[in-house]
Amino acid sequence: MPRSMIETTNLVVNLTPRPIEPSWIIEGNPVAQSCVLSKSADGLASTMVWECTEGKFNWYYDFDETILILEGSIVLENDAMKPTRYSAGDVVFFRDGAHARWHVEGRVRKLAFCRTTQPMIFGFALRVFNKLKRILLPKQETASLMGSG
C-alpha cells in the first residue's frame, strides 16, 4: 500500500509505556511514555511525543535527537556541561553518541525528532544523487515522477 506524501496528526495522543533502562536511573522512579507520530519511508527518522514523571537518570544516545519541550522542565548536564534548566519552548539537540544526565522536575512532555545516523559516505552519495537529479531532471519532470503532475 503506498504511503501518503503528507500525513497529519495531533499532539493529543494515547501514550504507551516506554520504560527507562533500569541501570540508567539515578534517583526516583521516573515513568516514561511515548507515541510515534510519524516515520520516514526509509525508517531512519521518526517524530514522537514523549513524557516522563519526576526523576534523575542517564540517557545514552545512539541516534540524533532534537527535542522541543512542550510542558514542564528538565535540568540537563554531563561531564562537559554544567547543569542547565530547559522548559516549554526550548529546543535541544543531542548528537549520536551523546550522554546526558536528565533531572525531570515534576513532569516533562516533549516533541522529539529522531534520526538514525548513517556512515558519512552514504550521506555524501545521497547528496550527490539528489544534486544530479535536480540538474538532469527539470522541476516539472521531477514533480510528475513523484505523482503530482
C-alpha atoms as a PDB file:
ATOM      1  CA  MET A   1       0.000   0.000   0.000  1.00  0.00           C
ATOM      2  CA  PRO A   2       1.531   3.355  -0.993  1.00  0.00           C
ATOM      3  CA  ARG A   3       2.293   5.832   1.765  1.00  0.00           C
ATOM      4  CA  SER A   4       0.648   9.224   1.766  1.00  0.00           C
ATOM      5  CA  MET A   5       3.002  12.070   0.847  1.00  0.00           C
ATOM      6  CA  ILE A   6       1.517  14.243   3.590  1.00  0.00           C
ATOM      7  CA  GLU A   7       0.428  12.921   6.971  1.00  0.00           C
ATOM      8  CA  THR A   8      -1.178  14.891   9.758  1.00  0.00           C
ATOM      9  CA  THR A   9      -1.674  14.156  13.439  1.00  0.00           C
ATOM     10  CA  ASN A  10      -2.347  15.842  16.746  1.00  0.00           C
ATOM     11  CA  LEU A  11      -0.334  16.041  19.953  1.00  0.00           C
ATOM     12  CA  VAL A  12      -3.296  14.711  21.918  1.00  0.00           C
ATOM     13  CA  VAL A  13      -2.428  11.018  21.614  1.00  0.00           C
ATOM     14  CA  ASN A  14      -2.554   7.839  23.659  1.00  0.00           C
ATOM     15  CA  LEU A  15       0.874   7.202  25.125  1.00  0.00           C
ATOM     16  CA  THR A  16       2.267   3.736  25.748  1.00  0.00           C
ATOM     17  CA  PRO A  17       4.830   2.800  28.404  1.00  0.00           C
ATOM     18  CA  ARG A  18       8.487   3.185  27.354  1.00  0.00           C
ATOM     19  CA  PRO A  19      10.421   2.212  30.477  1.00  0.00           C
ATOM     20  CA  ILE A  20      13.799   3.824  31.027  1.00  0.00           C
ATOM     21  CA  GLU A  21      16.646   1.315  31.197  1.00  0.00           C
ATOM     22  CA  PRO A  22      16.735   0.497  34.955  1.00  0.00           C
ATOM     23  CA  SER A  23      20.549   0.720  35.158  1.00  0.00           C
ATOM     24  CA  TRP A  24      20.322   4.338  33.886  1.00  0.00           C
ATOM     25  CA  ILE A  25      18.076   5.528  36.749  1.00  0.00           C
ATOM     26  CA  ILE A  26      19.983   7.595  39.325  1.00  0.00           C
ATOM     27  CA  GLU A  27      17.159   8.728  41.606  1.00  0.00           C
ATOM     28  CA  GLY A  28      13.391   8.371  41.946  1.00  0.00           C
ATOM     29  CA  ASN A  29      11.036   6.267  39.887  1.00  0.00           C
ATOM     30  CA  PRO A  30      10.679   8.073  36.543  1.00  0.00           C
ATOM     31  CA  VAL A  31       7.892   6.660  34.377  1.00  0.00           C
ATOM     32  CA  ALA A  32       8.235   7.343  30.654  1.00  0.00           C
ATOM     33  CA  GLN A  33       5.595   7.010  27.927  1.00  0.00           C
ATOM     34  CA  SER A  34       5.571   7.838  24.223  1.00  0.00           C
ATOM     35  CA  CYS A  35       3.696   7.704  20.946  1.00  0.00           C
ATOM     36  CA  VAL A  36       5.309   7.684  17.495  1.00  0.00           C
ATOM     37  CA  LEU A  37       3.590  10.295  15.328  1.00  0.00           C
ATOM     38  CA  SER A  38       5.402   9.649  12.037  1.00  0.00           C
ATOM     39  CA  LYS A  39       8.197   7.636  10.438  1.00  0.00           C
ATOM     40  CA  SER A  40      10.186   8.336   7.294  1.00  0.00           C
ATOM     41  CA  ALA A  41       9.841   5.956   4.344  1.00  0.00           C
ATOM     42  CA  ASP A  42      13.362   4.613   4.929  1.00  0.00           C
ATOM     43  CA  GLY A  43      12.709   4.087   8.656  1.00  0.00           C
ATOM     44  CA  LEU A  44      15.687   6.246   9.639  1.00  0.00           C
ATOM     45  CA  ALA A  45      13.713   9.189  11.035  1.00  0.00           C
ATOM     46  CA  SER A  46      10.711   9.499  13.311  1.00  0.00           C
ATOM     47  CA  THR A  47       8.748  12.061  15.272  1.00  0.00           C
ATOM     48  CA  MET A  48       7.282  11.241  18.667  1.00  0.00           C
ATOM     49  CA  VAL A  49       5.660  12.673  21.752  1.00  0.00           C
ATOM     50  CA  TRP A  50       7.406  11.553  24.947  1.00  0.00           C
ATOM     51  CA  GLU A  51       6.689  12.336  28.547  1.00  0.00           C
ATOM     52  CA  CYS A  52       8.217  11.381  31.843  1.00  0.00           C
ATOM     53  CA  THR A  53       7.496  11.823  35.527  1.00  0.00           C
ATOM     54  CA  GLU A  54       9.978  13.173  38.078  1.00  0.00           C
ATOM     55  CA  GLY A  55      13.353  11.522  38.494  1.00  0.00           C
ATOM     56  CA  LYS A  56      17.032  11.595  37.610  1.00  0.00           C
ATOM     57  CA  PHE A  57      18.532   9.293  35.009  1.00  0.00           C
ATOM     58  CA  ASN A  58      21.282   8.916  32.427  1.00  0.00           C
ATOM     59  CA  TRP A  59      20.460   8.814  28.738  1.00  0.00           C
ATOM     60  CA  TYR A  60      22.866   7.473  26.120  1.00  0.00           C
ATOM     61  CA  TYR A  61      22.025   8.445  22.538  1.00  0.00           C
ATOM     62  CA  ASP A  62      22.559   6.049  19.625  1.00  0.00           C
ATOM     63  CA  PHE A  63      20.803   8.403  17.174  1.00  0.00           C
ATOM     64  CA  ASP A  64      20.475  12.170  16.615  1.00  0.00           C
ATOM     65  CA  GLU A  65      17.574  13.682  18.534  1.00  0.00           C
ATOM     66  CA  THR A  66      16.164  17.202  18.504  1.00  0.00           C
ATOM     67  CA  ILE A  67      13.628  17.911  21.208  1.00  0.00           C
ATOM     68  CA  LEU A  68      11.132  20.709  21.778  1.00  0.00           C
ATOM     69  CA  ILE A  69       9.963  20.930  25.383  1.00  0.00           C
ATOM     70  CA  LEU A  70       6.175  21.261  25.299  1.00  0.00           C
ATOM     71  CA  GLU A  71       5.402  21.241  29.040  1.00  0.00           C
ATOM     72  CA  GLY A  72       7.349  21.053  32.284  1.00  0.00           C
ATOM     73  CA  SER A  73      11.077  21.416  32.743  1.00  0.00           C
ATOM     74  CA  ILE A  74      14.290  19.432  32.901  1.00  0.00           C
ATOM     75  CA  VAL A  75      17.832  20.029  34.048  1.00  0.00           C
ATOM     76  CA  LEU A  76      20.471  18.524  31.750  1.00  0.00           C
ATOM     77  CA  GLU A  77      24.140  18.047  32.463  1.00  0.00           C
ATOM     78  CA  ASN A  78      27.107  15.916  31.504  1.00  0.00           C
ATOM     79  CA  ASP A  79      30.863  15.929  32.098  1.00  0.00           C
ATOM     80  CA  ALA A  80      31.334  18.840  29.669  1.00  0.00           C
ATOM     81  CA  MET A  81      28.175  20.822  30.506  1.00  0.00           C
ATOM     82  CA  LYS A  82      27.111  22.381  33.808  1.00  0.00           C
ATOM     83  CA  PRO A  83      23.506  21.772  34.938  1.00  0.00           C
ATOM     84  CA  THR A  84      21.186  23.823  32.724  1.00  0.00           C
ATOM     85  CA  ARG A  85      17.394  24.126  33.013  1.00  0.00           C
ATOM     86  CA  TYR A  86      15.182  23.869  29.928  1.00  0.00           C
ATOM     87  CA  SER A  87      11.435  24.467  29.864  1.00  0.00           C
ATOM     88  CA  ALA A  88       8.498  24.893  27.469  1.00  0.00           C
ATOM     89  CA  GLY A  89       9.637  26.358  24.152  1.00  0.00           C
ATOM     90  CA  ASP A  90      13.293  25.339  24.499  1.00  0.00           C
ATOM     91  CA  VAL A  91      14.932  23.209  21.796  1.00  0.00           C
ATOM     92  CA  VAL A  92      17.866  20.871  22.498  1.00  0.00           C
ATOM     93  CA  PHE A  93      19.884  18.775  20.023  1.00  0.00           C
ATOM     94  CA  PHE A  94      21.655  15.567  21.077  1.00  0.00           C
ATOM     95  CA  ARG A  95      24.154  14.043  18.646  1.00  0.00           C
ATOM     96  CA  ASP A  96      24.528  10.313  18.132  1.00  0.00           C
ATOM     97  CA  GLY A  97      26.934   9.181  20.874  1.00  0.00           C
ATOM     98  CA  ALA A  98      25.971  11.911  23.371  1.00  0.00           C
ATOM     99  CA  HIS A  99      25.354  11.233  27.060  1.00  0.00           C
ATOM    100  CA  ALA A 100      23.208  13.420  29.294  1.00  0.00           C
ATOM    101  CA  ARG A 101      22.043  13.226  32.878  1.00  0.00           C
ATOM    102  CA  TRP A 102      18.370  14.187  32.978  1.00  0.00           C
ATOM    103  CA  HIS A 103      16.602  15.601  36.020  1.00  0.00           C
ATOM    104  CA  VAL A 104      12.898  15.781  35.303  1.00  0.00           C
ATOM    105  CA  GLU A 105      11.279  18.276  37.636  1.00  0.00           C
ATOM    106  CA  GLY A 106       7.728  17.081  38.252  1.00  0.00           C
ATOM    107  CA  ARG A 107       6.819  16.039  34.706  1.00  0.00           C
ATOM    108  CA  VAL A 108       8.063  16.836  31.216  1.00  0.00           C
ATOM    109  CA  ARG A 109       6.443  16.431  27.804  1.00  0.00           C
ATOM    110  CA  LYS A 110       8.498  16.812  24.639  1.00  0.00           C
ATOM    111  CA  LEU A 111       8.204  16.526  20.904  1.00  0.00           C
ATOM    112  CA  ALA A 112      11.196  14.558  19.621  1.00  0.00           C
ATOM    113  CA  PHE A 113      12.614  14.377  16.110  1.00  0.00           C
ATOM    114  CA  CYS A 114      14.887  11.318  15.916  1.00  0.00           C
ATOM    115  CA  ARG A 115      17.194  10.288  13.098  1.00  0.00           C
ATOM    116  CA  THR A 116      19.432   7.255  12.883  1.00  0.00           C
ATOM    117  CA  THR A 117      22.748   8.377  11.500  1.00  0.00           C
ATOM    118  CA  GLN A 118      24.407   6.640   8.573  1.00  0.00           C
ATOM    119  CA  PRO A 119      28.083   6.492   7.666  1.00  0.00           C
ATOM    120  CA  MET A 120      29.212   9.768   6.078  1.00  0.00           C
ATOM    121  CA  ILE A 121      29.871   8.105   2.719  1.00  0.00           C
ATOM    122  CA  PHE A 122      26.156   7.196   2.402  1.00  0.00           C
ATOM    123  CA  GLY A 123      25.120  10.771   3.170  1.00  0.00           C
ATOM    124  CA  PHE A 124      27.603  12.104   0.636  1.00  0.00           C
ATOM    125  CA  ALA A 125      26.387   9.653  -2.028  1.00  0.00           C
ATOM    126  CA  LEU A 126      22.761  10.689  -1.375  1.00  0.00           C
ATOM    127  CA  ARG A 127      23.616  14.408  -1.686  1.00  0.00           C
ATOM    128  CA  VAL A 128      25.413  13.738  -5.000  1.00  0.00           C
ATOM    129  CA  PHE A 129      22.446  11.720  -6.286  1.00  0.00           C
ATOM    130  CA  ASN A 130      19.965  14.461  -5.325  1.00  0.00           C
ATOM    131  CA  LYS A 131      22.129  17.172  -6.894  1.00  0.00           C
ATOM    132  CA  LEU A 132      22.406  15.203 -10.165  1.00  0.00           C
ATOM    133  CA  LYS A 133      18.638  14.601 -10.128  1.00  0.00           C
ATOM    134  CA  ARG A 134      17.985  18.360  -9.801  1.00  0.00           C
ATOM    135  CA  ILE A 135      20.450  19.139 -12.612  1.00  0.00           C
ATOM    136  CA  LEU A 136      19.342  16.405 -15.013  1.00  0.00           C
ATOM    137  CA  LEU A 137      15.580  16.476 -14.449  1.00  0.00           C
ATOM    138  CA  PRO A 138      13.671  19.725 -14.871  1.00  0.00           C
ATOM    139  CA  LYS A 139      11.407  20.636 -11.964  1.00  0.00           C
ATOM    140  CA  GLN A 140       8.227  19.663 -13.835  1.00  0.00           C
ATOM    141  CA  GLU A 141       9.599  16.235 -14.702  1.00  0.00           C
ATOM    142  CA  THR A 142      10.583  15.639 -11.082  1.00  0.00           C
ATOM    143  CA  ALA A 143       7.078  16.635  -9.902  1.00  0.00           C
ATOM    144  CA  SER A 144       5.400  14.316 -12.410  1.00  0.00           C
ATOM    145  CA  LEU A 145       7.691  11.456 -11.383  1.00  0.00           C
ATOM    146  CA  MET A 146       6.508  11.984  -7.807  1.00  0.00           C
ATOM    147  CA  GLY A 147       2.866  11.757  -8.845  1.00  0.00           C
ATOM    148  CA  SER A 148       1.874  15.418  -8.600  1.00  0.00           C
ATOM    149  CA  GLY A 149       1.792  16.174 -12.307  1.00  0.00           C
END
